[in-house]
Amino acid sequence: MKREKILVTGGAGYIGAHTVVELDLAGFEVVIVDNFSNSTPDVLDGLEGITGKRHHFMELDCSDREDMKMLFAKHPDISAAIHFAAYKAVGESVEKPLDYYRNNLDSLLCLLYEMTKEGRSGGLVFSSSCTVYGQPASENLPVSEMAPLQPATSPYGRTKQICEDILTDVAKASGDKLRAIALRYFNPIGAHPSALIGELPRGVPQNLLPFVTQTAIGLRKELSVFGNDYNTPDGSCIRDYIYVCDLAKAHVRAVERLLEKRTGKGGEVEYFNLGTGVGLSVLEVVNKFMDATGVDVPYKIVGRRAGDVEKVWADPSKANEVLGWKADTPLEDVFKSAWLWEKRVRRKL
């Protein structure tokens, strides 16, 4: 039986690469596209090392209409797509809002133009974010999909809100052509147990755990904790940290759900929160990492960072029940995977 072909945009990126592994394990044929704006070709070698195969790959820009036409001309039999190709750093988006609006909106639009062309139909899993909730009111914590969306606190979060609106309108207008699921992630961390792929940001890390591991290994002098005067138990921001391999498995379940519903009516977008349901502060993460690895992480308290939300964590019960998915990897194992990856990367470099 012919395997279903799944497109993964941004498939050489952090979450994309881990999802490629899980799609391969689930028996799908994978097409990866990436322009390496925040990744490297080495990731493709890592994927081959894990899966034992070289997946279809095209180096292109998802925000370029001609590139996307070329992609679908070469792979007209794509059954579903997972769209990761977007800029994703909250702090950077505050500094470079135009870059974020152009890239994040255009890449989705170009993909949708091709997926909804005459004679085509398929499913789309959209990489969304908990930033669409803004700073939820205390009565809406933990956050469920029914929580009202608050004004985004950063251009990055606003692009995710706008992209969800675009997806809703296009799905509604498409009739049976497009079926879509938006996955609202909380904070992905960790690396594949093989240490062949993991999170490797370019320049200064914008996410917490890579900065922690780079400080632990001596690449950074100390970790900057942005604020200790928030209304939280220890004054630092609270987030829901989810293991990237658990997160990747949720994408497989979302794709399977879209393909199972292929004969059903299109026009509807389903939303799922992906998190653990547990909120951890920045300082708790630092301390738990040190406990798990036995490595010291020097840090200093600095001023708040523009665009940061005070506290947010997930109510993942809908994803648990409807997708049959749960983030259940012990946090100690997650931190150890991130540390193993960091040590491997620095040995290689």
Foldseek 3Di string as FASTA:
>chain_A
DDAAEEEEEVLQAFLNVLLVLLCVVVPHQYEYEEQPPWGDPLSQVLSCVRNVDRGHYDYDQLLDLVRLVVVCVVVVRHAEYEYDFADAFQQVCQVPVVVRLSRLVSSLVSNLVVLLPPPHAHEYEYEAAPLQQAFFDPVCPQPFPPGDGDPGQGSNNVSRVVSVVVVLVSFQVSKLRYAYEYEHEWAEFFFDQVLSGHHDGPDQDSDQLVNQLCQLVPVDVAAEQAFQCFPDPRSAAKTFYFYSSLVSNLVVLVRVVRVVCSVPIISDYHYFYDGQSDIDGSVRLSVLLCVLPVTHGHHDYDHHRRRDHRYYYHDRVCCCPVSVGHRDDDPSVRSVRRNVSSVVVVVVD
